[in-house]
Amino acid sequence: MEIIITIAITIAIIWIMAYFVGVIRRHIEVVTIWDYQVGLHFKDGCYVETLESGRHRLLGRGHSVILLDTRSSEMVIQGQEVITSDSATVKLTAVALWKIIDLLKRHLGSDNAHQALYTQVQLAMRRLIGELELDVIVEGKADFGKALLNEVKETILEETGVEVVRIDIRDLMLSGELKSSYAGVITARKEAQAQQERARGDAAALRTFANAARVYENNPELFRLRYLETIKEAGAGYGSQLIIGVPEELMNLGKKNERIN
């Protein structure tokens, strides 16, 4: 009889323990946060703490954990048409690199930080580009990223807790007419450069000829030697016979040299 009572008590204890374990488990929430995430812990709608990566057990009801990705992200501000100060229309595409710095401000400051960043960069592009002429924009495309970054960085960080790391201008597109005009300008510029190079080459050749003429005038023997070398080269393809005439200049030069001697 005692054995039966002992077994019944043991079974009752086990059942009671299992019941309480089940109750406790139902009131414990397990949250896993990855290395690239951070969790904002709220209880009954109130902020409690920031949870780092790992496994967290939250006892009781009313808990809520919002996971935020702390990795850097890219956002493309696609095809923004902007009118320049000289009334030309250009289309710009920018790429912004950003990441979350202030987690709580990111959650409380804006319901859509991505859209806020997009709007701020868009407005900054219109302000900066609208104050410049088309030529300045085309020639200084690489510098606009830094200017845009300076325009939006502090505002975005203060409002949304997001840090804008870098902004680059990816594309600068012109209308068909403007593109044709700039192509004509570049072609004319390249043709002018080619003409300058040809002129420099002609001037150098003339200086070389003038120097050679002075040397030959002062040294008739060199002129005769050069003349013979030219004849040799010219006759290389005529076999063993080559009929030539003596140039009048060479004859006059030889007579002049004989009179001097």
C-alpha atoms as a PDB file:
ATOM      1  CA  MET A   1       0.000   0.000   0.000  1.00  0.00           C
ATOM      2  CA  GLU A   2       2.777   2.366   0.902  1.00  0.00           C
ATOM      3  CA  ILE A   3       4.435   1.668  -2.429  1.00  0.00           C
ATOM      4  CA  ILE A   4       1.281   2.632  -4.288  1.00  0.00           C
ATOM      5  CA  ILE A   5       1.005   5.872  -2.303  1.00  0.00           C
ATOM      6  CA  THR A   6       4.677   6.695  -2.987  1.00  0.00           C
ATOM      7  CA  ILE A   7       4.224   6.101  -6.721  1.00  0.00           C
ATOM      8  CA  ALA A   8       1.092   8.269  -6.789  1.00  0.00           C
ATOM      9  CA  ILE A   9       2.865  11.085  -4.942  1.00  0.00           C
ATOM     10  CA  THR A  10       5.814  10.869  -7.324  1.00  0.00           C
ATOM     11  CA  ILE A  11       3.527  10.987 -10.346  1.00  0.00           C
ATOM     12  CA  ALA A  12       1.686  13.986  -8.874  1.00  0.00           C
ATOM     13  CA  ILE A  13       4.949  15.822  -8.213  1.00  0.00           C
ATOM     14  CA  ILE A  14       6.164  15.142 -11.747  1.00  0.00           C
ATOM     15  CA  TRP A  15       2.872  16.318 -13.193  1.00  0.00           C
ATOM     16  CA  ILE A  16       2.928  19.489 -11.095  1.00  0.00           C
ATOM     17  CA  MET A  17       6.528  20.210 -12.112  1.00  0.00           C
ATOM     18  CA  ALA A  18       5.714  19.621 -15.763  1.00  0.00           C
ATOM     19  CA  TYR A  19       2.739  21.941 -15.465  1.00  0.00           C
ATOM     20  CA  PHE A  20       4.812  24.740 -13.943  1.00  0.00           C
ATOM     21  CA  VAL A  21       7.598  24.237 -16.502  1.00  0.00           C
ATOM     22  CA  GLY A  22       5.018  24.544 -19.264  1.00  0.00           C
ATOM     23  CA  VAL A  23       3.590  27.681 -17.694  1.00  0.00           C
ATOM     24  CA  ILE A  24       7.060  29.189 -17.353  1.00  0.00           C
ATOM     25  CA  ARG A  25       7.945  28.291 -20.923  1.00  0.00           C
ATOM     26  CA  ARG A  26       4.789  29.934 -22.190  1.00  0.00           C
ATOM     27  CA  HIS A  27       5.866  33.101 -20.406  1.00  0.00           C
ATOM     28  CA  ILE A  28       9.457  33.081 -21.665  1.00  0.00           C
ATOM     29  CA  GLU A  29      10.195  34.507 -25.103  1.00  0.00           C
ATOM     30  CA  VAL A  30      13.493  33.564 -26.756  1.00  0.00           C
ATOM     31  CA  VAL A  31      14.965  36.042 -29.215  1.00  0.00           C
ATOM     32  CA  THR A  32      18.038  35.387 -31.369  1.00  0.00           C
ATOM     33  CA  ILE A  33      19.945  38.403 -32.716  1.00  0.00           C
ATOM     34  CA  TRP A  34      22.561  37.920 -35.438  1.00  0.00           C
ATOM     35  CA  ASP A  35      25.982  39.564 -35.539  1.00  0.00           C
ATOM     36  CA  TYR A  36      24.886  42.232 -38.029  1.00  0.00           C
ATOM     37  CA  GLN A  37      21.736  43.107 -36.056  1.00  0.00           C
ATOM     38  CA  VAL A  38      20.808  45.026 -32.938  1.00  0.00           C
ATOM     39  CA  GLY A  39      17.506  44.652 -31.084  1.00  0.00           C
ATOM     40  CA  LEU A  40      15.431  47.393 -29.468  1.00  0.00           C
ATOM     41  CA  HIS A  41      13.634  45.856 -26.486  1.00  0.00           C
ATOM     42  CA  PHE A  42      10.216  47.276 -25.592  1.00  0.00           C
ATOM     43  CA  LYS A  43       7.834  46.127 -22.840  1.00  0.00           C
ATOM     44  CA  ASP A  44       4.217  47.194 -22.941  1.00  0.00           C
ATOM     45  CA  GLY A  45       5.163  49.772 -25.596  1.00  0.00           C
ATOM     46  CA  CYS A  46       7.968  51.381 -23.563  1.00  0.00           C
ATOM     47  CA  TYR A  47      11.655  51.242 -24.477  1.00  0.00           C
ATOM     48  CA  VAL A  48      13.677  49.097 -22.061  1.00  0.00           C
ATOM     49  CA  GLU A  49      17.143  48.463 -23.500  1.00  0.00           C
ATOM     50  CA  THR A  50      19.235  47.723 -26.573  1.00  0.00           C
ATOM     51  CA  LEU A  51      20.052  44.058 -27.100  1.00  0.00           C
ATOM     52  CA  GLU A  52      23.308  43.029 -28.738  1.00  0.00           C
ATOM     53  CA  SER A  53      23.837  39.900 -30.865  1.00  0.00           C
ATOM     54  CA  GLY A  54      23.158  36.538 -29.171  1.00  0.00           C
ATOM     55  CA  ARG A  55      20.257  34.582 -27.638  1.00  0.00           C
ATOM     56  CA  HIS A  56      18.055  36.459 -25.174  1.00  0.00           C
ATOM     57  CA  ARG A  57      15.303  35.103 -22.899  1.00  0.00           C
ATOM     58  CA  LEU A  58      12.566  37.518 -21.914  1.00  0.00           C
ATOM     59  CA  LEU A  59      10.370  36.514 -18.972  1.00  0.00           C
ATOM     60  CA  GLY A  60       6.750  37.543 -18.875  1.00  0.00           C
ATOM     61  CA  ARG A  61       4.295  38.970 -21.358  1.00  0.00           C
ATOM     62  CA  GLY A  62       4.205  42.255 -23.259  1.00  0.00           C
ATOM     63  CA  HIS A  63       7.729  42.054 -24.691  1.00  0.00           C
ATOM     64  CA  SER A  64       8.558  43.268 -28.198  1.00  0.00           C
ATOM     65  CA  VAL A  65      11.963  43.281 -29.890  1.00  0.00           C
ATOM     66  CA  ILE A  66      12.553  45.293 -33.075  1.00  0.00           C
ATOM     67  CA  LEU A  67      15.565  44.107 -35.065  1.00  0.00           C
ATOM     68  CA  LEU A  68      17.632  46.652 -37.012  1.00  0.00           C
ATOM     69  CA  ASP A  69      20.310  45.839 -39.574  1.00  0.00           C
ATOM     70  CA  THR A  70      23.546  47.729 -38.841  1.00  0.00           C
ATOM     71  CA  ARG A  71      25.275  46.892 -42.128  1.00  0.00           C
ATOM     72  CA  SER A  72      25.962  49.565 -44.740  1.00  0.00           C
ATOM     73  CA  SER A  73      23.334  49.874 -47.464  1.00  0.00           C
ATOM     74  CA  GLU A  74      23.154  51.538 -50.864  1.00  0.00           C
ATOM     75  CA  MET A  75      20.324  53.640 -52.177  1.00  0.00           C
ATOM     76  CA  VAL A  76      19.953  54.805 -55.784  1.00  0.00           C
ATOM     77  CA  ILE A  77      18.336  58.194 -56.460  1.00  0.00           C
ATOM     78  CA  GLN A  78      17.297  57.429 -59.992  1.00  0.00           C
ATOM     79  CA  GLY A  79      16.992  59.838 -62.937  1.00  0.00           C
ATOM     80  CA  GLN A  80      16.341  63.236 -61.360  1.00  0.00           C
ATOM     81  CA  GLU A  81      15.608  65.923 -63.953  1.00  0.00           C
ATOM     82  CA  VAL A  82      17.085  69.259 -62.907  1.00  0.00           C
ATOM     83  CA  ILE A  83      17.015  72.639 -64.662  1.00  0.00           C
ATOM     84  CA  THR A  84      20.347  74.461 -64.574  1.00  0.00           C
ATOM     85  CA  SER A  85      20.818  78.190 -64.091  1.00  0.00           C
ATOM     86  CA  ASP A  86      21.120  78.640 -67.882  1.00  0.00           C
ATOM     87  CA  SER A  87      17.787  76.798 -68.419  1.00  0.00           C
ATOM     88  CA  ALA A  88      19.246  73.514 -69.660  1.00  0.00           C
ATOM     89  CA  THR A  89      17.688  70.243 -68.511  1.00  0.00           C
ATOM     90  CA  VAL A  90      19.911  67.432 -67.233  1.00  0.00           C
ATOM     91  CA  LYS A  91      19.064  64.093 -65.663  1.00  0.00           C
ATOM     92  CA  LEU A  92      21.202  62.899 -62.752  1.00  0.00           C
ATOM     93  CA  THR A  93      21.424  59.569 -60.947  1.00  0.00           C
ATOM     94  CA  ALA A  94      23.106  59.464 -57.534  1.00  0.00           C
ATOM     95  CA  VAL A  95      24.148  56.568 -55.279  1.00  0.00           C
ATOM     96  CA  ALA A  96      24.203  57.039 -51.493  1.00  0.00           C
ATOM     97  CA  LEU A  97      25.936  54.701 -49.024  1.00  0.00           C
ATOM     98  CA  TRP A  98      24.417  54.827 -45.519  1.00  0.00           C
ATOM     99  CA  LYS A  99      24.222  52.931 -42.239  1.00  0.00           C
ATOM    100  CA  ILE A 100      22.386  53.206 -38.910  1.00  0.00           C
ATOM    101  CA  ILE A 101      24.318  54.927 -36.104  1.00  0.00           C
ATOM    102  CA  ASP A 102      21.682  55.929 -33.543  1.00  0.00           C
ATOM    103  CA  LEU A 103      19.360  52.947 -33.274  1.00  0.00           C
ATOM    104  CA  LEU A 104      16.686  54.451 -31.050  1.00  0.00           C
ATOM    105  CA  LYS A 105      16.514  57.653 -33.081  1.00  0.00           C
ATOM    106  CA  ARG A 106      16.308  55.554 -36.244  1.00  0.00           C
ATOM    107  CA  HIS A 107      13.202  53.856 -34.819  1.00  0.00           C
ATOM    108  CA  LEU A 108      11.562  56.881 -33.205  1.00  0.00           C
ATOM    109  CA  GLY A 109      12.678  59.654 -35.547  1.00  0.00           C
ATOM    110  CA  SER A 110      11.084  58.501 -38.808  1.00  0.00           C
ATOM    111  CA  ASP A 111       8.752  55.751 -39.887  1.00  0.00           C
ATOM    112  CA  ASN A 112      10.646  55.516 -43.196  1.00  0.00           C
ATOM    113  CA  ALA A 113      14.286  56.636 -42.949  1.00  0.00           C
ATOM    114  CA  HIS A 114      14.968  55.313 -46.438  1.00  0.00           C
ATOM    115  CA  GLN A 115      12.379  57.645 -47.953  1.00  0.00           C
ATOM    116  CA  ALA A 116      13.608  60.557 -45.822  1.00  0.00           C
ATOM    117  CA  LEU A 117      17.149  60.085 -47.116  1.00  0.00           C
ATOM    118  CA  TYR A 118      15.895  59.793 -50.705  1.00  0.00           C
ATOM    119  CA  THR A 119      13.963  63.052 -50.387  1.00  0.00           C
ATOM    120  CA  GLN A 120      16.838  64.960 -48.779  1.00  0.00           C
ATOM    121  CA  VAL A 121      19.321  63.925 -51.478  1.00  0.00           C
ATOM    122  CA  GLN A 122      16.789  64.724 -54.188  1.00  0.00           C
ATOM    123  CA  LEU A 123      16.188  68.236 -52.836  1.00  0.00           C
ATOM    124  CA  ALA A 124      19.919  68.838 -52.361  1.00  0.00           C
ATOM    125  CA  MET A 125      20.562  67.853 -55.988  1.00  0.00           C
ATOM    126  CA  ARG A 126      17.960  70.355 -57.174  1.00  0.00           C
ATOM    127  CA  ARG A 127      19.421  73.128 -55.024  1.00  0.00           C
ATOM    128  CA  LEU A 128      23.053  72.588 -56.007  1.00  0.00           C
ATOM    129  CA  ILE A 129      22.590  71.824 -59.700  1.00  0.00           C
ATOM    130  CA  GLY A 130      19.991  74.564 -60.152  1.00  0.00           C
ATOM    131  CA  GLU A 131      22.546  77.208 -59.191  1.00  0.00           C
ATOM    132  CA  LEU A 132      25.149  76.141 -61.778  1.00  0.00           C
ATOM    133  CA  GLU A 133      25.513  76.442 -65.537  1.00  0.00           C
ATOM    134  CA  LEU A 134      25.581  73.381 -67.751  1.00  0.00           C
ATOM    135  CA  ASP A 135      29.292  73.645 -68.644  1.00  0.00           C
ATOM    136  CA  VAL A 136      30.265  73.738 -64.971  1.00  0.00           C
ATOM    137  CA  ILE A 137      28.094  70.686 -64.266  1.00  0.00           C
ATOM    138  CA  VAL A 138      29.535  68.629 -67.130  1.00  0.00           C
ATOM    139  CA  GLU A 139      33.135  69.463 -66.227  1.00  0.00           C
ATOM    140  CA  GLY A 140      32.721  69.114 -62.439  1.00  0.00           C
ATOM    141  CA  LYS A 141      30.591  65.978 -62.198  1.00  0.00           C
ATOM    142  CA  ALA A 142      33.036  64.193 -59.876  1.00  0.00           C
ATOM    143  CA  ASP A 143      32.874  66.937 -57.210  1.00  0.00           C
ATOM    144  CA  PHE A 144      29.094  67.009 -56.734  1.00  0.00           C
ATOM    145  CA  GLY A 145      29.056  63.897 -54.546  1.00  0.00           C
ATOM    146  CA  LYS A 146      31.023  65.609 -51.779  1.00  0.00           C
ATOM    147  CA  ALA A 147      28.858  68.715 -52.018  1.00  0.00           C
ATOM    148  CA  LEU A 148      25.686  66.616 -51.741  1.00  0.00           C
ATOM    149  CA  LEU A 149      27.130  64.750 -48.756  1.00  0.00           C
ATOM    150  CA  ASN A 150      27.849  68.008 -46.945  1.00  0.00           C
ATOM    151  CA  GLU A 151      24.307  69.190 -47.666  1.00  0.00           C
ATOM    152  CA  VAL A 152      22.430  66.197 -46.236  1.00  0.00           C
ATOM    153  CA  LYS A 153      24.734  64.449 -43.744  1.00  0.00           C
ATOM    154  CA  GLU A 154      23.973  66.435 -40.576  1.00  0.00           C
ATOM    155  CA  THR A 155      20.239  66.773 -41.288  1.00  0.00           C
ATOM    156  CA  ILE A 156      19.721  63.057 -41.895  1.00  0.00           C
ATOM    157  CA  LEU A 157      21.748  62.059 -38.832  1.00  0.00           C
ATOM    158  CA  GLU A 158      19.837  64.462 -36.606  1.00  0.00           C
ATOM    159  CA  GLU A 159      16.390  63.468 -37.882  1.00  0.00           C
ATOM    160  CA  THR A 160      16.714  59.718 -38.433  1.00  0.00           C
ATOM    161  CA  GLY A 161      19.912  58.480 -36.747  1.00  0.00           C
ATOM    162  CA  VAL A 162      21.313  57.402 -40.120  1.00  0.00           C
ATOM    163  CA  GLU A 163      24.837  58.334 -41.199  1.00  0.00           C
ATOM    164  CA  VAL A 164      25.387  59.010 -44.892  1.00  0.00           C
ATOM    165  CA  VAL A 165      28.874  57.697 -45.616  1.00  0.00           C
ATOM    166  CA  ARG A 166      29.250  58.652 -49.284  1.00  0.00           C
ATOM    167  CA  ILE A 167      27.298  60.050 -52.225  1.00  0.00           C
ATOM    168  CA  ASP A 168      28.443  59.633 -55.824  1.00  0.00           C
ATOM    169  CA  ILE A 169      26.980  60.872 -59.107  1.00  0.00           C
ATOM    170  CA  ARG A 170      26.645  57.728 -61.204  1.00  0.00           C
ATOM    171  CA  ASP A 171      25.063  59.108 -64.384  1.00  0.00           C
ATOM    172  CA  LEU A 172      24.765  62.510 -66.015  1.00  0.00           C
ATOM    173  CA  MET A 173      22.402  62.417 -68.989  1.00  0.00           C
ATOM    174  CA  LEU A 174      21.731  65.203 -71.477  1.00  0.00           C
ATOM    175  CA  SER A 175      18.886  65.624 -73.913  1.00  0.00           C
ATOM    176  CA  GLY A 176      19.417  64.577 -77.547  1.00  0.00           C
ATOM    177  CA  GLU A 177      20.059  68.125 -78.775  1.00  0.00           C
ATOM    178  CA  LEU A 178      22.493  68.946 -75.990  1.00  0.00           C
ATOM    179  CA  LYS A 179      24.282  65.649 -76.498  1.00  0.00           C
ATOM    180  CA  SER A 180      24.728  66.406 -80.214  1.00  0.00           C
ATOM    181  CA  SER A 181      25.966  69.910 -79.432  1.00  0.00           C
ATOM    182  CA  TYR A 182      28.551  68.636 -76.951  1.00  0.00           C
ATOM    183  CA  ALA A 183      29.637  65.933 -79.387  1.00  0.00           C
ATOM    184  CA  GLY A 184      30.235  68.658 -81.987  1.00  0.00           C
ATOM    185  CA  VAL A 185      32.227  70.723 -79.490  1.00  0.00           C
ATOM    186  CA  ILE A 186      34.399  67.751 -78.550  1.00  0.00           C
ATOM    187  CA  THR A 187      34.954  66.862 -82.214  1.00  0.00           C
ATOM    188  CA  ALA A 188      35.983  70.434 -83.043  1.00  0.00           C
ATOM    189  CA  ARG A 189      38.282  70.485 -80.015  1.00  0.00           C
ATOM    190  CA  LYS A 190      39.971  67.249 -81.063  1.00  0.00           C
ATOM    191  CA  GLU A 191      40.359  68.462 -84.647  1.00  0.00           C
ATOM    192  CA  ALA A 192      41.966  71.673 -83.402  1.00  0.00           C
ATOM    193  CA  GLN A 193      44.360  69.652 -81.260  1.00  0.00           C
ATOM    194  CA  ALA A 194      45.229  67.454 -84.248  1.00  0.00           C
ATOM    195  CA  GLN A 195      45.921  70.523 -86.387  1.00  0.00           C
ATOM    196  CA  GLN A 196      48.160  71.925 -83.676  1.00  0.00           C
ATOM    197  CA  GLU A 197      50.089  68.662 -83.524  1.00  0.00           C
ATOM    198  CA  ARG A 198      50.490  68.616 -87.321  1.00  0.00           C
ATOM    199  CA  ALA A 199      51.679  72.239 -87.240  1.00  0.00           C
ATOM    200  CA  ARG A 200      54.225  71.402 -84.545  1.00  0.00           C
ATOM    201  CA  GLY A 201      55.435  68.445 -86.600  1.00  0.00           C
ATOM    202  CA  ASP A 202      55.767  70.567 -89.758  1.00  0.00           C
ATOM    203  CA  ALA A 203      57.652  73.280 -87.850  1.00  0.00           C
ATOM    204  CA  ALA A 204      60.043  70.700 -86.402  1.00  0.00           C
ATOM    205  CA  ALA A 205      60.632  69.196 -89.862  1.00  0.00           C
ATOM    206  CA  LEU A 206      61.346  72.637 -91.346  1.00  0.00           C
ATOM    207  CA  ARG A 207      63.834  73.389 -88.566  1.00  0.00           C
ATOM    208  CA  THR A 208      65.547  70.084 -89.260  1.00  0.00           C
ATOM    209  CA  PHE A 209      65.729  70.824 -93.004  1.00  0.00           C
ATOM    210  CA  ALA A 210      67.079  74.329 -92.339  1.00  0.00           C
ATOM    211  CA  ASN A 211      69.800  72.975 -90.055  1.00  0.00           C
ATOM    212  CA  ALA A 212      70.716  70.331 -92.620  1.00  0.00           C
ATOM    213  CA  ALA A 213      70.899  72.949 -95.380  1.00  0.00           C
ATOM    214  CA  ARG A 214      73.320  75.060 -93.339  1.00  0.00           C
ATOM    215  CA  VAL A 215      75.482  72.028 -92.607  1.00  0.00           C
ATOM    216  CA  TYR A 216      75.572  71.009 -96.293  1.00  0.00           C
ATOM    217  CA  GLU A 217      76.347  74.572 -97.373  1.00  0.00           C
ATOM    218  CA  ASN A 218      79.331  74.755 -95.060  1.00  0.00           C
ATOM    219  CA  ASN A 219      80.447  71.170 -95.765  1.00  0.00           C
ATOM    220  CA  PRO A 220      80.019  70.245 -99.473  1.00  0.00           C
ATOM    221  CA  GLU A 221      81.679  66.867 -98.891  1.00  0.00           C
ATOM    222  CA  LEU A 222      78.843  65.869 -96.584  1.00  0.00           C
ATOM    223  CA  PHE A 223      76.356  66.859 -99.267  1.00  0.00           C
ATOM    224  CA  ARG A 224      78.168  64.693-101.850  1.00  0.00           C
ATOM    225  CA  LEU A 225      78.265  61.771 -99.398  1.00  0.00           C
ATOM    226  CA  ARG A 226      74.594  62.097 -98.664  1.00  0.00           C
ATOM    227  CA  TYR A 227      73.897  62.309-102.374  1.00  0.00           C
ATOM    228  CA  LEU A 228      75.800  59.095-103.013  1.00  0.00           C
ATOM    229  CA  GLU A 229      73.970  57.314-100.166  1.00  0.00           C
ATOM    230  CA  THR A 230      70.649  58.398-101.634  1.00  0.00           C
ATOM    231  CA  ILE A 231      71.682  57.075-105.060  1.00  0.00           C
ATOM    232  CA  LYS A 232      72.677  53.782-103.465  1.00  0.00           C
ATOM    233  CA  GLU A 233      69.365  53.435-101.712  1.00  0.00           C
ATOM    234  CA  ALA A 234      67.415  54.417-104.817  1.00  0.00           C
ATOM    235  CA  GLY A 235      69.263  51.930-107.001  1.00  0.00           C
ATOM    236  CA  ALA A 236      68.813  48.976-104.665  1.00  0.00           C
ATOM    237  CA  GLY A 237      65.847  47.686-106.708  1.00  0.00           C
ATOM    238  CA  TYR A 238      67.257  48.208-110.227  1.00  0.00           C
ATOM    239  CA  GLY A 239      69.814  45.400-110.429  1.00  0.00           C
ATOM    240  CA  SER A 240      73.300  46.501-111.510  1.00  0.00           C
ATOM    241  CA  GLN A 241      72.365  49.397-113.834  1.00  0.00           C
ATOM    242  CA  LEU A 242      71.161  52.820-112.720  1.00  0.00           C
ATOM    243  CA  ILE A 243      71.287  55.895-114.969  1.00  0.00           C
ATOM    244  CA  ILE A 244      71.345  59.164-113.052  1.00  0.00           C
ATOM    245  CA  GLY A 245      71.984  62.797-113.736  1.00  0.00           C
ATOM    246  CA  VAL A 246      74.055  65.116-111.557  1.00  0.00           C
ATOM    247  CA  PRO A 247      71.873  67.808-110.039  1.00  0.00           C
ATOM    248  CA  GLU A 248      72.701  71.366-110.982  1.00  0.00           C
ATOM    249  CA  GLU A 249      72.890  72.395-107.331  1.00  0.00           C
ATOM    250  CA  LEU A 250      75.599  69.817-106.701  1.00  0.00           C
ATOM    251  CA  MET A 251      77.560  70.998-109.751  1.00  0.00           C
ATOM    252  CA  ASN A 252      77.325  74.625-108.694  1.00  0.00           C
ATOM    253  CA  LEU A 253      78.316  73.701-105.178  1.00  0.00           C
ATOM    254  CA  GLY A 254      81.348  71.819-106.437  1.00  0.00           C
ATOM    255  CA  LYS A 255      82.406  74.705-108.716  1.00  0.00           C
ATOM    256  CA  LYS A 256      82.005  77.157-105.867  1.00  0.00           C
ATOM    257  CA  ASN A 257      84.214  75.002-103.685  1.00  0.00           C
ATOM    258  CA  GLU A 258      86.871  74.792-106.420  1.00  0.00           C
ATOM    259  CA  ARG A 259      86.951  78.557-106.814  1.00  0.00           C
ATOM    260  CA  ILE A 260      87.395  78.958-103.092  1.00  0.00           C
ATOM    261  CA  ASN A 261      90.275  76.494-103.086  1.00  0.00           C
END
